Amino acid sequence: MIHPGQLEPNEFELALLERLAVAHPPLREHLGHLHVLSREFTGVGCFTKFRLEGSRPEASEQQLGLNGLIVMPNVPNGMGAVLFCRGGQPEILETFTYGADHWDGEYDGFSIRETV
């Protein structure tokens, strides 16, 4: 459950980040000390913004897509995720639903299923 003012990534965010780090090992060095600046829930997903440590605004940007389907109770078509990085550091984790599904931010019972 997400608690107001939670400054560390929650278990859902950490699971997604860990999964992304399997495909992109350099991410792993950042996972132990991420600081959440904000979470914006859109009704169909969420944007989690992380503090960047010493990164310059002109640093290179990278988008890392989740290789898998997030299976979420009450989200029939599932969810996806993409991580936006700047200078190799996680900057924004975006989660989103597929189809016209809505998501209220509750993540109890989620799993990540391999996609072919």
PDB file of N, CA and C in Angstrom:
ATOM      1  N   MET A   1       0.839  -1.183   0.000  1.00  0.00           N
ATOM      2  CA  MET A   1       0.000   0.000   0.000  1.00  0.00           C
ATOM      3  C   MET A   1       0.878   1.239   0.000  1.00  0.00           C
ATOM      4  N   ILE A   2       0.510   2.229  -0.766  1.00  0.00           N
ATOM      5  CA  ILE A   2       1.259   3.487  -0.825  1.00  0.00           C
ATOM      6  C   ILE A   2       0.801   4.381   0.317  1.00  0.00           C
ATOM      7  N   HIS A   3       1.758   4.852   1.092  1.00  0.00           N
ATOM      8  CA  HIS A   3       1.450   5.749   2.208  1.00  0.00           C
ATOM      9  C   HIS A   3       1.849   7.166   1.830  1.00  0.00           C
ATOM     10  N   PRO A   4       1.053   8.168   2.219  1.00  0.00           N
ATOM     11  CA  PRO A   4       1.416   9.552   1.920  1.00  0.00           C
ATOM     12  C   PRO A   4       2.807   9.864   2.454  1.00  0.00           C
ATOM     13  N   GLY A   5       3.591  10.542   1.656  1.00  0.00           N
ATOM     14  CA  GLY A   5       4.916  10.944   2.090  1.00  0.00           C
ATOM     15  C   GLY A   5       5.970   9.854   2.009  1.00  0.00           C
ATOM     16  N   GLN A   6       5.643   8.701   1.427  1.00  0.00           N
ATOM     17  CA  GLN A   6       6.617   7.620   1.310  1.00  0.00           C
ATOM     18  C   GLN A   6       7.705   8.056   0.333  1.00  0.00           C
ATOM     19  N   LEU A   7       8.940   8.156   0.822  1.00  0.00           N
ATOM     20  CA  LEU A   7      10.031   8.694   0.025  1.00  0.00           C
ATOM     21  C   LEU A   7      10.844   7.630  -0.697  1.00  0.00           C
ATOM     22  N   GLU A   8      10.643   6.369  -0.354  1.00  0.00           N
ATOM     23  CA  GLU A   8      11.332   5.274  -1.025  1.00  0.00           C
ATOM     24  C   GLU A   8      10.359   4.605  -1.995  1.00  0.00           C
ATOM     25  N   PRO A   9      10.896   3.942  -3.020  1.00  0.00           N
ATOM     26  CA  PRO A   9      10.014   3.190  -3.914  1.00  0.00           C
ATOM     27  C   PRO A   9       9.253   2.119  -3.140  1.00  0.00           C
ATOM     28  N   ASN A  10       7.989   1.906  -3.504  1.00  0.00           N
ATOM     29  CA  ASN A  10       7.197   0.863  -2.845  1.00  0.00           C
ATOM     30  C   ASN A  10       7.511  -0.492  -3.482  1.00  0.00           C
ATOM     31  N   GLU A  11       6.918  -1.557  -2.958  1.00  0.00           N
ATOM     32  CA  GLU A  11       7.242  -2.901  -3.446  1.00  0.00           C
ATOM     33  C   GLU A  11       6.866  -3.103  -4.914  1.00  0.00           C
ATOM     34  N   PHE A  12       5.819  -2.468  -5.375  1.00  0.00           N
ATOM     35  CA  PHE A  12       5.417  -2.552  -6.782  1.00  0.00           C
ATOM     36  C   PHE A  12       6.477  -1.890  -7.673  1.00  0.00           C
ATOM     37  N   GLU A  13       6.865  -0.682  -7.330  1.00  0.00           N
ATOM     38  CA  GLU A  13       7.884   0.034  -8.099  1.00  0.00           C
ATOM     39  C   GLU A  13       9.213  -0.721  -8.086  1.00  0.00           C
ATOM     40  N   LEU A  14       9.594  -1.234  -6.913  1.00  0.00           N
ATOM     41  CA  LEU A  14      10.849  -1.985  -6.807  1.00  0.00           C
ATOM     42  C   LEU A  14      10.831  -3.247  -7.673  1.00  0.00           C
ATOM     43  N   ALA A  15       9.692  -3.938  -7.714  1.00  0.00           N
ATOM     44  CA  ALA A  15       9.587  -5.147  -8.545  1.00  0.00           C
ATOM     45  C   ALA A  15       9.765  -4.793 -10.019  1.00  0.00           C
ATOM     46  N   LEU A  16       9.175  -3.680 -10.436  1.00  0.00           N
ATOM     47  CA  LEU A  16       9.327  -3.259 -11.828  1.00  0.00           C
ATOM     48  C   LEU A  16      10.768  -2.860 -12.123  1.00  0.00           C
ATOM     49  N   LEU A  17      11.378  -2.121 -11.209  1.00  0.00           N
ATOM     50  CA  LEU A  17      12.761  -1.695 -11.395  1.00  0.00           C
ATOM     51  C   LEU A  17      13.716  -2.890 -11.429  1.00  0.00           C
ATOM     52  N   GLU A  18      13.477  -3.864 -10.551  1.00  0.00           N
ATOM     53  CA  GLU A  18      14.301  -5.077 -10.547  1.00  0.00           C
ATOM     54  C   GLU A  18      14.167  -5.820 -11.873  1.00  0.00           C
ATOM     55  N   ARG A  19      12.956  -5.910 -12.370  1.00  0.00           N
ATOM     56  CA  ARG A  19      12.713  -6.596 -13.649  1.00  0.00           C
ATOM     57  C   ARG A  19      13.428  -5.866 -14.785  1.00  0.00           C
ATOM     58  N   LEU A  20      13.372  -4.546 -14.774  1.00  0.00           N
ATOM     59  CA  LEU A  20      14.072  -3.755 -15.781  1.00  0.00           C
ATOM     60  C   LEU A  20      15.590  -3.934 -15.671  1.00  0.00           C
ATOM     61  N   ALA A  21      16.089  -4.062 -14.453  1.00  0.00           N
ATOM     62  CA  ALA A  21      17.529  -4.215 -14.226  1.00  0.00           C
ATOM     63  C   ALA A  21      18.055  -5.556 -14.734  1.00  0.00           C
ATOM     64  N   VAL A  22      17.191  -6.554 -14.851  1.00  0.00           N
ATOM     65  CA  VAL A  22      17.617  -7.842 -15.411  1.00  0.00           C
ATOM     66  C   VAL A  22      18.075  -7.628 -16.858  1.00  0.00           C
ATOM     67  N   ALA A  23      17.320  -6.834 -17.608  1.00  0.00           N
ATOM     68  CA  ALA A  23      17.658  -6.561 -19.002  1.00  0.00           C
ATOM     69  C   ALA A  23      18.697  -5.441 -19.137  1.00  0.00           C
ATOM     70  N   HIS A  24      18.814  -4.599 -18.113  1.00  0.00           N
ATOM     71  CA  HIS A  24      19.718  -3.444 -18.144  1.00  0.00           C
ATOM     72  C   HIS A  24      20.499  -3.399 -16.828  1.00  0.00           C
ATOM     73  N   PRO A  25      21.500  -4.288 -16.660  1.00  0.00           N
ATOM     74  CA  PRO A  25      22.234  -4.432 -15.396  1.00  0.00           C
ATOM     75  C   PRO A  25      22.799  -3.146 -14.779  1.00  0.00           C
ATOM     76  N   PRO A  26      23.241  -2.135 -15.555  1.00  0.00           N
ATOM     77  CA  PRO A  26      23.756  -0.924 -14.914  1.00  0.00           C
ATOM     78  C   PRO A  26      22.735  -0.215 -14.000  1.00  0.00           C
ATOM     79  N   LEU A  27      21.445  -0.482 -14.201  1.00  0.00           N
ATOM     80  CA  LEU A  27      20.404   0.107 -13.341  1.00  0.00           C
ATOM     81  C   LEU A  27      20.546  -0.333 -11.883  1.00  0.00           C
ATOM     82  N   ARG A  28      21.002  -1.556 -11.702  1.00  0.00           N
ATOM     83  CA  ARG A  28      21.029  -2.161 -10.368  1.00  0.00           C
ATOM     84  C   ARG A  28      21.772  -1.302  -9.348  1.00  0.00           C
ATOM     85  N   GLU A  29      22.841  -0.627  -9.771  1.00  0.00           N
ATOM     86  CA  GLU A  29      23.620   0.183  -8.831  1.00  0.00           C
ATOM     87  C   GLU A  29      22.814   1.342  -8.229  1.00  0.00           C
ATOM     88  N   HIS A  30      21.727   1.734  -8.867  1.00  0.00           N
ATOM     89  CA  HIS A  30      20.917   2.858  -8.382  1.00  0.00           C
ATOM     90  C   HIS A  30      19.750   2.420  -7.502  1.00  0.00           C
ATOM     91  N   LEU A  31      19.381   1.154  -7.545  1.00  0.00           N
ATOM     92  CA  LEU A  31      18.137   0.709  -6.908  1.00  0.00           C
ATOM     93  C   LEU A  31      18.146   0.822  -5.390  1.00  0.00           C
ATOM     94  N   GLY A  32      19.281   0.712  -4.759  1.00  0.00           N
ATOM     95  CA  GLY A  32      19.325   0.734  -3.301  1.00  0.00           C
ATOM     96  C   GLY A  32      19.189   2.100  -2.673  1.00  0.00           C
ATOM     97  N   HIS A  33      19.292   3.160  -3.467  1.00  0.00           N
ATOM     98  CA  HIS A  33      19.244   4.495  -2.867  1.00  0.00           C
ATOM     99  C   HIS A  33      18.417   5.484  -3.682  1.00  0.00           C
ATOM    100  N   LEU A  34      17.306   5.009  -4.231  1.00  0.00           N
ATOM    101  CA  LEU A  34      16.400   5.906  -4.938  1.00  0.00           C
ATOM    102  C   LEU A  34      15.554   6.695  -3.946  1.00  0.00           C
ATOM    103  N   HIS A  35      15.311   7.951  -4.275  1.00  0.00           N
ATOM    104  CA  HIS A  35      14.490   8.832  -3.455  1.00  0.00           C
ATOM    105  C   HIS A  35      13.324   9.306  -4.326  1.00  0.00           C
ATOM    106  N   VAL A  36      12.094   9.029  -3.893  1.00  0.00           N
ATOM    107  CA  VAL A  36      10.905   9.418  -4.647  1.00  0.00           C
ATOM    108  C   VAL A  36      10.580  10.882  -4.358  1.00  0.00           C
ATOM    109  N   LEU A  37      10.487  11.673  -5.428  1.00  0.00           N
ATOM    110  CA  LEU A  37      10.091  13.076  -5.293  1.00  0.00           C
ATOM    111  C   LEU A  37       8.574  13.229  -5.344  1.00  0.00           C
ATOM    112  N   SER A  38       7.916  12.452  -6.236  1.00  0.00           N
ATOM    113  CA  SER A  38       6.464  12.582  -6.368  1.00  0.00           C
ATOM    114  C   SER A  38       5.884  11.365  -7.067  1.00  0.00           C
ATOM    115  N   ARG A  39       4.582  11.173  -6.861  1.00  0.00           N
ATOM    116  CA  ARG A  39       3.800  10.172  -7.584  1.00  0.00           C
ATOM    117  C   ARG A  39       2.536  10.870  -8.079  1.00  0.00           C
ATOM    118  N   GLU A  40       2.287  10.731  -9.374  1.00  0.00           N
ATOM    119  CA  GLU A  40       1.081  11.325  -9.955  1.00  0.00           C
ATOM    120  C   GLU A  40       0.233  10.208 -10.545  1.00  0.00           C
ATOM    121  N   PHE A  41      -0.923   9.979  -9.958  1.00  0.00           N
ATOM    122  CA  PHE A  41      -1.846   8.957 -10.445  1.00  0.00           C
ATOM    123  C   PHE A  41      -2.788   9.598 -11.452  1.00  0.00           C
ATOM    124  N   THR A  42      -2.952   8.922 -12.587  1.00  0.00           N
ATOM    125  CA  THR A  42      -3.733   9.493 -13.680  1.00  0.00           C
ATOM    126  C   THR A  42      -5.090   8.825 -13.872  1.00  0.00           C
ATOM    127  N   GLY A  43      -5.348   7.743 -13.144  1.00  0.00           N
ATOM    128  CA  GLY A  43      -6.571   6.964 -13.355  1.00  0.00           C
ATOM    129  C   GLY A  43      -6.332   5.791 -14.286  1.00  0.00           C
ATOM    130  N   VAL A  44      -5.291   5.904 -15.124  1.00  0.00           N
ATOM    131  CA  VAL A  44      -4.907   4.817 -16.018  1.00  0.00           C
ATOM    132  C   VAL A  44      -3.430   4.462 -15.836  1.00  0.00           C
ATOM    133  N   GLY A  45      -2.832   4.949 -14.769  1.00  0.00           N
ATOM    134  CA  GLY A  45      -1.428   4.672 -14.499  1.00  0.00           C
ATOM    135  C   GLY A  45      -0.862   5.624 -13.474  1.00  0.00           C
ATOM    136  N   CYS A  46       0.468   5.718 -13.475  1.00  0.00           N
ATOM    137  CA  CYS A  46       1.143   6.552 -12.488  1.00  0.00           C
ATOM    138  C   CYS A  46       2.504   6.981 -13.038  1.00  0.00           C
ATOM    139  N   PHE A  47       2.918   8.186 -12.664  1.00  0.00           N
ATOM    140  CA  PHE A  47       4.262   8.674 -12.925  1.00  0.00           C
ATOM    141  C   PHE A  47       4.958   8.818 -11.577  1.00  0.00           C
ATOM    142  N   THR A  48       6.032   8.055 -11.369  1.00  0.00           N
ATOM    143  CA  THR A  48       6.834   8.159 -10.151  1.00  0.00           C
ATOM    144  C   THR A  48       8.132   8.856 -10.531  1.00  0.00           C
ATOM    145  N   LYS A  49       8.359  10.016  -9.931  1.00  0.00           N
ATOM    146  CA  LYS A  49       9.552  10.807 -10.252  1.00  0.00           C
ATOM    147  C   LYS A  49      10.602  10.611  -9.165  1.00  0.00           C
ATOM    148  N   PHE A  50      11.845  10.328  -9.595  1.00  0.00           N
ATOM    149  CA  PHE A  50      12.958  10.105  -8.674  1.00  0.00           C
ATOM    150  C   PHE A  50      13.926  11.289  -8.698  1.00  0.00           C
ATOM    151  N   ARG A  51      14.596  11.514  -7.581  1.00  0.00           N
ATOM    152  CA  ARG A  51      15.624  12.556  -7.508  1.00  0.00           C
ATOM    153  C   ARG A  51      16.853  12.065  -8.277  1.00  0.00           C
ATOM    154  N   LEU A  52      17.401  12.938  -9.083  1.00  0.00           N
ATOM    155  CA  LEU A  52      18.631  12.634  -9.810  1.00  0.00           C
ATOM    156  C   LEU A  52      19.813  13.114  -8.988  1.00  0.00           C
ATOM    157  N   GLU A  53      20.827  12.285  -8.867  1.00  0.00           N
ATOM    158  CA  GLU A  53      22.029  12.625  -8.113  1.00  0.00           C
ATOM    159  C   GLU A  53      23.112  13.123  -9.058  1.00  0.00           C
ATOM    160  N   GLY A  54      23.386  14.406  -9.035  1.00  0.00           N
ATOM    161  CA  GLY A  54      24.496  14.969  -9.795  1.00  0.00           C
ATOM    162  C   GLY A  54      24.383  14.865 -11.307  1.00  0.00           C
ATOM    163  N   SER A  55      23.202  14.627 -11.832  1.00  0.00           N
ATOM    164  CA  SER A  55      23.035  14.534 -13.280  1.00  0.00           C
ATOM    165  C   SER A  55      22.838  15.933 -13.860  1.00  0.00           C
ATOM    166  N   ARG A  56      23.401  16.144 -15.010  1.00  0.00           N
ATOM    167  CA  ARG A  56      23.259  17.430 -15.687  1.00  0.00           C
ATOM    168  C   ARG A  56      22.022  17.404 -16.573  1.00  0.00           C
ATOM    169  N   PRO A  57      21.339  18.561 -16.738  1.00  0.00           N
ATOM    170  CA  PRO A  57      20.141  18.596 -17.596  1.00  0.00           C
ATOM    171  C   PRO A  57      20.415  18.130 -19.022  1.00  0.00           C
ATOM    172  N   GLU A  58      21.627  18.342 -19.516  1.00  0.00           N
ATOM    173  CA  GLU A  58      21.946  17.941 -20.890  1.00  0.00           C
ATOM    174  C   GLU A  58      22.399  16.486 -20.994  1.00  0.00           C
ATOM    175  N   ALA A  59      22.398  15.752 -19.889  1.00  0.00           N
ATOM    176  CA  ALA A  59      22.808  14.342 -19.899  1.00  0.00           C
ATOM    177  C   ALA A  59      21.893  13.540 -20.827  1.00  0.00           C
ATOM    178  N   SER A  60      22.444  12.479 -21.387  1.00  0.00           N
ATOM    179  CA  SER A  60      21.683  11.670 -22.343  1.00  0.00           C
ATOM    180  C   SER A  60      20.452  11.051 -21.683  1.00  0.00           C
ATOM    181  N   GLU A  61      19.400  10.926 -22.493  1.00  0.00           N
ATOM    182  CA  GLU A  61      18.153  10.330 -22.031  1.00  0.00           C
ATOM    183  C   GLU A  61      18.010   8.946 -22.645  1.00  0.00           C
ATOM    184  N   GLN A  62      17.333   8.072 -21.911  1.00  0.00           N
ATOM    185  CA  GLN A  62      17.108   6.703 -22.374  1.00  0.00           C
ATOM    186  C   GLN A  62      15.742   6.248 -21.877  1.00  0.00           C
ATOM    187  N   GLN A  63      15.032   5.468 -22.690  1.00  0.00           N
ATOM    188  CA  GLN A  63      13.754   4.884 -22.300  1.00  0.00           C
ATOM    189  C   GLN A  63      13.916   3.365 -22.294  1.00  0.00           C
ATOM    190  N   LEU A  64      13.527   2.752 -21.177  1.00  0.00           N
ATOM    191  CA  LEU A  64      13.622   1.302 -21.028  1.00  0.00           C
ATOM    192  C   LEU A  64      12.218   0.739 -20.822  1.00  0.00           C
ATOM    193  N   GLY A  65      11.754  -0.058 -21.762  1.00  0.00           N
ATOM    194  CA  GLY A  65      10.430  -0.650 -21.658  1.00  0.00           C
ATOM    195  C   GLY A  65      10.459  -1.959 -20.895  1.00  0.00           C
ATOM    196  N   LEU A  66       9.409  -2.212 -20.141  1.00  0.00           N
ATOM    197  CA  LEU A  66       9.287  -3.457 -19.388  1.00  0.00           C
ATOM    198  C   LEU A  66       8.987  -4.599 -20.352  1.00  0.00           C
ATOM    199  N   ASN A  67       9.766  -5.659 -20.273  1.00  0.00           N
ATOM    200  CA  ASN A  67       9.537  -6.847 -21.084  1.00  0.00           C
ATOM    201  C   ASN A  67       8.666  -7.790 -20.262  1.00  0.00           C
ATOM    202  N   GLY A  68       7.390  -7.586 -20.307  1.00  0.00           N
ATOM    203  CA  GLY A  68       6.455  -8.399 -19.552  1.00  0.00           C
ATOM    204  C   GLY A  68       5.130  -7.678 -19.414  1.00  0.00           C
ATOM    205  N   LEU A  69       4.147  -8.396 -18.964  1.00  0.00           N
ATOM    206  CA  LEU A  69       2.816  -7.846 -18.726  1.00  0.00           C
ATOM    207  C   LEU A  69       2.573  -7.802 -17.226  1.00  0.00           C
ATOM    208  N   ILE A  70       2.189  -6.649 -16.730  1.00  0.00           N
ATOM    209  CA  ILE A  70       1.830  -6.530 -15.315  1.00  0.00           C
ATOM    210  C   ILE A  70       0.389  -7.006 -15.186  1.00  0.00           C
ATOM    211  N   VAL A  71       0.203  -8.090 -14.445  1.00  0.00           N
ATOM    212  CA  VAL A  71      -1.136  -8.625 -14.190  1.00  0.00           C
ATOM    213  C   VAL A  71      -1.594  -8.008 -12.877  1.00  0.00           C
ATOM    214  N   MET A  72      -2.689  -7.251 -12.965  1.00  0.00           N
ATOM    215  CA  MET A  72      -3.181  -6.488 -11.815  1.00  0.00           C
ATOM    216  C   MET A  72      -4.648  -6.836 -11.587  1.00  0.00           C
ATOM    217  N   PRO A  73      -5.016  -7.199 -10.341  1.00  0.00           N
ATOM    218  CA  PRO A  73      -6.434  -7.432 -10.064  1.00  0.00           C
ATOM    219  C   PRO A  73      -7.263  -6.208 -10.475  1.00  0.00           C
ATOM    220  N   ASN A  74      -8.405  -6.451 -11.052  1.00  0.00           N
ATOM    221  CA  ASN A  74      -9.343  -5.410 -11.484  1.00  0.00           C
ATOM    222  C   ASN A  74      -8.846  -4.571 -12.659  1.00  0.00           C
ATOM    223  N   VAL A  75      -7.805  -5.034 -13.355  1.00  0.00           N
ATOM    224  CA  VAL A  75      -7.343  -4.384 -14.593  1.00  0.00           C
ATOM    225  C   VAL A  75      -7.310  -5.490 -15.654  1.00  0.00           C
ATOM    226  N   PRO A  76      -8.445  -5.700 -16.343  1.00  0.00           N
ATOM    227  CA  PRO A  76      -8.603  -6.857 -17.223  1.00  0.00           C
ATOM    228  C   PRO A  76      -7.538  -7.020 -18.310  1.00  0.00           C
ATOM    229  N   ASN A  77      -7.075  -5.932 -18.913  1.00  0.00           N
ATOM    230  CA  ASN A  77      -6.118  -6.025 -20.019  1.00  0.00           C
ATOM    231  C   ASN A  77      -4.663  -5.917 -19.576  1.00  0.00           C
ATOM    232  N   GLY A  78      -4.434  -5.767 -18.283  1.00  0.00           N
ATOM    233  CA  GLY A  78      -3.079  -5.688 -17.764  1.00  0.00           C
ATOM    234  C   GLY A  78      -2.456  -4.313 -17.912  1.00  0.00           C
ATOM    235  N   MET A  79      -1.190  -4.240 -17.535  1.00  0.00           N
ATOM    236  CA  MET A  79      -0.479  -2.965 -17.518  1.00  0.00           C
ATOM    237  C   MET A  79       0.928  -3.131 -18.081  1.00  0.00           C
ATOM    238  N   GLY A  80       1.514  -2.012 -18.449  1.00  0.00           N
ATOM    239  CA  GLY A  80       2.892  -1.963 -18.901  1.00  0.00           C
ATOM    240  C   GLY A  80       3.636  -0.885 -18.132  1.00  0.00           C
ATOM    241  N   ALA A  81       4.928  -0.789 -18.396  1.00  0.00           N
ATOM    242  CA  ALA A  81       5.740   0.221 -17.720  1.00  0.00           C
ATOM    243  C   ALA A  81       6.924   0.610 -18.598  1.00  0.00           C
ATOM    244  N   VAL A  82       7.369   1.837 -18.419  1.00  0.00           N
ATOM    245  CA  VAL A  82       8.572   2.324 -19.078  1.00  0.00           C
ATOM    246  C   VAL A  82       9.331   3.187 -18.073  1.00  0.00           C
ATOM    247  N   LEU A  83      10.648   3.055 -18.083  1.00  0.00           N
ATOM    248  CA  LEU A  83      11.495   3.835 -17.197  1.00  0.00           C
ATOM    249  C   LEU A  83      12.285   4.824 -18.034  1.00  0.00           C
ATOM    250  N   PHE A  84      12.158   6.105 -17.693  1.00  0.00           N
ATOM    251  CA  PHE A  84      12.916   7.159 -18.353  1.00  0.00           C
ATOM    252  C   PHE A  84      14.141   7.440 -17.494  1.00  0.00           C
ATOM    253  N   CYS A  85      15.309   7.380 -18.112  1.00  0.00           N
ATOM    254  CA  CYS A  85      16.567   7.605 -17.399  1.00  0.00           C
ATOM    255  C   CYS A  85      17.266   8.827 -17.977  1.00  0.00           C
ATOM    256  N   ARG A  86      18.042   9.487 -17.146  1.00  0.00           N
ATOM    257  CA  ARG A  86      18.872  10.612 -17.580  1.00  0.00           C
ATOM    258  C   ARG A  86      20.273  10.365 -17.031  1.00  0.00           C
ATOM    259  N   GLY A  87      21.256  10.355 -17.928  1.00  0.00           N
ATOM    260  CA  GLY A  87      22.622  10.090 -17.502  1.00  0.00           C
ATOM    261  C   GLY A  87      22.774   8.730 -16.837  1.00  0.00           C
ATOM    262  N   GLY A  88      21.963   7.759 -17.262  1.00  0.00           N
ATOM    263  CA  GLY A  88      22.035   6.410 -16.706  1.00  0.00           C
ATOM    264  C   GLY A  88      21.273   6.215 -15.407  1.00  0.00           C
ATOM    265  N   GLN A  89      20.668   7.279 -14.869  1.00  0.00           N
ATOM    266  CA  GLN A  89      19.933   7.191 -13.604  1.00  0.00           C
ATOM    267  C   GLN A  89      18.422   7.175 -13.844  1.00  0.00           C
ATOM    268  N   PRO A  90      17.683   6.394 -13.057  1.00  0.00           N
ATOM    269  CA  PRO A  90      16.222   6.436 -13.153  1.00  0.00           C
ATOM    270  C   PRO A  90      15.704   7.840 -12.833  1.00  0.00           C
ATOM    271  N   GLU A  91      14.844   8.350 -13.723  1.00  0.00           N
ATOM    272  CA  GLU A  91      14.259   9.677 -13.511  1.00  0.00           C
ATOM    273  C   GLU A  91      12.748   9.584 -13.295  1.00  0.00           C
ATOM    274  N   ILE A  92      12.053   8.871 -14.196  1.00  0.00           N
ATOM    275  CA  ILE A  92      10.594   8.732 -14.087  1.00  0.00           C
ATOM    276  C   ILE A  92      10.212   7.305 -14.461  1.00  0.00           C
ATOM    277  N   LEU A  93       9.428   6.673 -13.597  1.00  0.00           N
ATOM    278  CA  LEU A  93       8.845   5.370 -13.882  1.00  0.00           C
ATOM    279  C   LEU A  93       7.378   5.597 -14.221  1.00  0.00           C
ATOM    280  N   GLU A  94       7.006   5.244 -15.443  1.00  0.00           N
ATOM    281  CA  GLU A  94       5.616   5.390 -15.867  1.00  0.00           C
ATOM    282  C   GLU A  94       4.968   4.015 -15.941  1.00  0.00           C
ATOM    283  N   THR A  95       3.821   3.864 -15.295  1.00  0.00           N
ATOM    284  CA  THR A  95       3.013   2.656 -15.449  1.00  0.00           C
ATOM    285  C   THR A  95       1.726   3.068 -16.138  1.00  0.00           C
ATOM    286  N   PHE A  96       1.159   2.147 -16.919  1.00  0.00           N
ATOM    287  CA  PHE A  96      -0.042   2.476 -17.688  1.00  0.00           C
ATOM    288  C   PHE A  96      -0.851   1.223 -17.956  1.00  0.00           C
ATOM    289  N   THR A  97      -2.157   1.415 -18.098  1.00  0.00           N
ATOM    290  CA  THR A  97      -3.043   0.299 -18.412  1.00  0.00           C
ATOM    291  C   THR A  97      -3.159   0.149 -19.922  1.00  0.00           C
ATOM    292  N   TYR A  98      -3.537  -1.055 -20.330  1.00  0.00           N
ATOM    293  CA  TYR A  98      -3.829  -1.310 -21.735  1.00  0.00           C
ATOM    294  C   TYR A  98      -5.332  -1.232 -21.946  1.00  0.00           C
ATOM    295  N   GLY A  99      -5.739  -0.905 -23.158  1.00  0.00           N
ATOM    296  CA  GLY A  99      -7.156  -0.789 -23.453  1.00  0.00           C
ATOM    297  C   GLY A  99      -7.727   0.434 -22.754  1.00  0.00           C
ATOM    298  N   ALA A 100      -8.980   0.356 -22.403  1.00  0.00           N
ATOM    299  CA  ALA A 100      -9.660   1.471 -21.732  1.00  0.00           C
ATOM    300  C   ALA A 100      -9.768   1.214 -20.229  1.00  0.00           C
ATOM    301  N   ASP A 101      -8.899   0.350 -19.697  1.00  0.00           N
ATOM    302  CA  ASP A 101      -8.956  -0.009 -18.278  1.00  0.00           C
ATOM    303  C   ASP A 101      -8.544   1.172 -17.395  1.00  0.00           C
ATOM    304  N   HIS A 102      -9.111   1.185 -16.214  1.00  0.00           N
ATOM    305  CA  HIS A 102      -8.740   2.174 -15.192  1.00  0.00           C
ATOM    306  C   HIS A 102      -7.985   1.461 -14.087  1.00  0.00           C
ATOM    307  N   TRP A 103      -7.137   2.216 -13.388  1.00  0.00           N
ATOM    308  CA  TRP A 103      -6.375   1.683 -12.259  1.00  0.00           C
ATOM    309  C   TRP A 103      -6.367   2.732 -11.164  1.00  0.00           C
ATOM    310  N   ASP A 104      -6.721   2.296  -9.955  1.00  0.00           N
ATOM    311  CA  ASP A 104      -6.838   3.234  -8.831  1.00  0.00           C
ATOM    312  C   ASP A 104      -5.552   3.368  -8.017  1.00  0.00           C
ATOM    313  N   GLY A 105      -4.476   2.701  -8.434  1.00  0.00           N
ATOM    314  CA  GLY A 105      -3.213   2.790  -7.705  1.00  0.00           C
ATOM    315  C   GLY A 105      -2.982   1.655  -6.731  1.00  0.00           C
ATOM    316  N   GLU A 106      -3.997   0.842  -6.486  1.00  0.00           N
ATOM    317  CA  GLU A 106      -3.859  -0.316  -5.589  1.00  0.00           C
ATOM    318  C   GLU A 106      -3.099  -1.403  -6.327  1.00  0.00           C
ATOM    319  N   TYR A 107      -2.050  -1.959  -5.704  1.00  0.00           N
ATOM    320  CA  TYR A 107      -1.237  -2.957  -6.386  1.00  0.00           C
ATOM    321  C   TYR A 107      -1.171  -4.303  -5.679  1.00  0.00           C
ATOM    322  N   ASP A 108      -1.933  -4.503  -4.619  1.00  0.00           N
ATOM    323  CA  ASP A 108      -1.932  -5.801  -3.933  1.00  0.00           C
ATOM    324  C   ASP A 108      -2.335  -6.903  -4.913  1.00  0.00           C
ATOM    325  N   GLY A 109      -1.568  -7.975  -4.936  1.00  0.00           N
ATOM    326  CA  GLY A 109      -1.887  -9.120  -5.772  1.00  0.00           C
ATOM    327  C   GLY A 109      -1.328  -9.026  -7.184  1.00  0.00           C
ATOM    328  N   PHE A 110      -0.490  -8.054  -7.491  1.00  0.00           N
ATOM    329  CA  PHE A 110       0.060  -7.939  -8.842  1.00  0.00           C
ATOM    330  C   PHE A 110       1.093  -9.034  -9.098  1.00  0.00           C
ATOM    331  N   SER A 111       1.325  -9.305 -10.366  1.00  0.00           N
ATOM    332  CA  SER A 111       2.432 -10.173 -10.780  1.00  0.00           C
ATOM    333  C   SER A 111       2.917  -9.677 -12.144  1.00  0.00           C
ATOM    334  N   ILE A 112       4.081 -10.130 -12.539  1.00  0.00           N
ATOM    335  CA  ILE A 112       4.633  -9.759 -13.841  1.00  0.00           C
ATOM    336  C   ILE A 112       4.793 -11.040 -14.629  1.00  0.00           C
ATOM    337  N   ARG A 113       4.123 -11.091 -15.771  1.00  0.00           N
ATOM    338  CA  ARG A 113       4.134 -12.296 -16.596  1.00  0.00           C
ATOM    339  C   ARG A 113       4.999 -12.062 -17.830  1.00  0.00           C
ATOM    340  N   GLU A 114       5.774 -13.071 -18.170  1.00  0.00           N
ATOM    341  CA  GLU A 114       6.604 -13.013 -19.386  1.00  0.00           C
ATOM    342  C   GLU A 114       5.717 -12.806 -20.600  1.00  0.00           C
ATOM    343  N   THR A 115       6.195 -12.019 -21.544  1.00  0.00           N
ATOM    344  CA  THR A 115       5.509 -11.902 -22.826  1.00  0.00           C
ATOM    345  C   THR A 115       6.383 -12.560 -23.872  1.00  0.00           C
ATOM    346  N   VAL A 116       5.750 -13.065 -24.891  1.00  0.00           N
ATOM    347  CA  VAL A 116       6.486 -13.797 -25.913  1.00  0.00           C
ATOM    348  C   VAL A 116       6.897 -12.896 -27.040  1.00  0.00           C
TER     349      VAL A 116
END
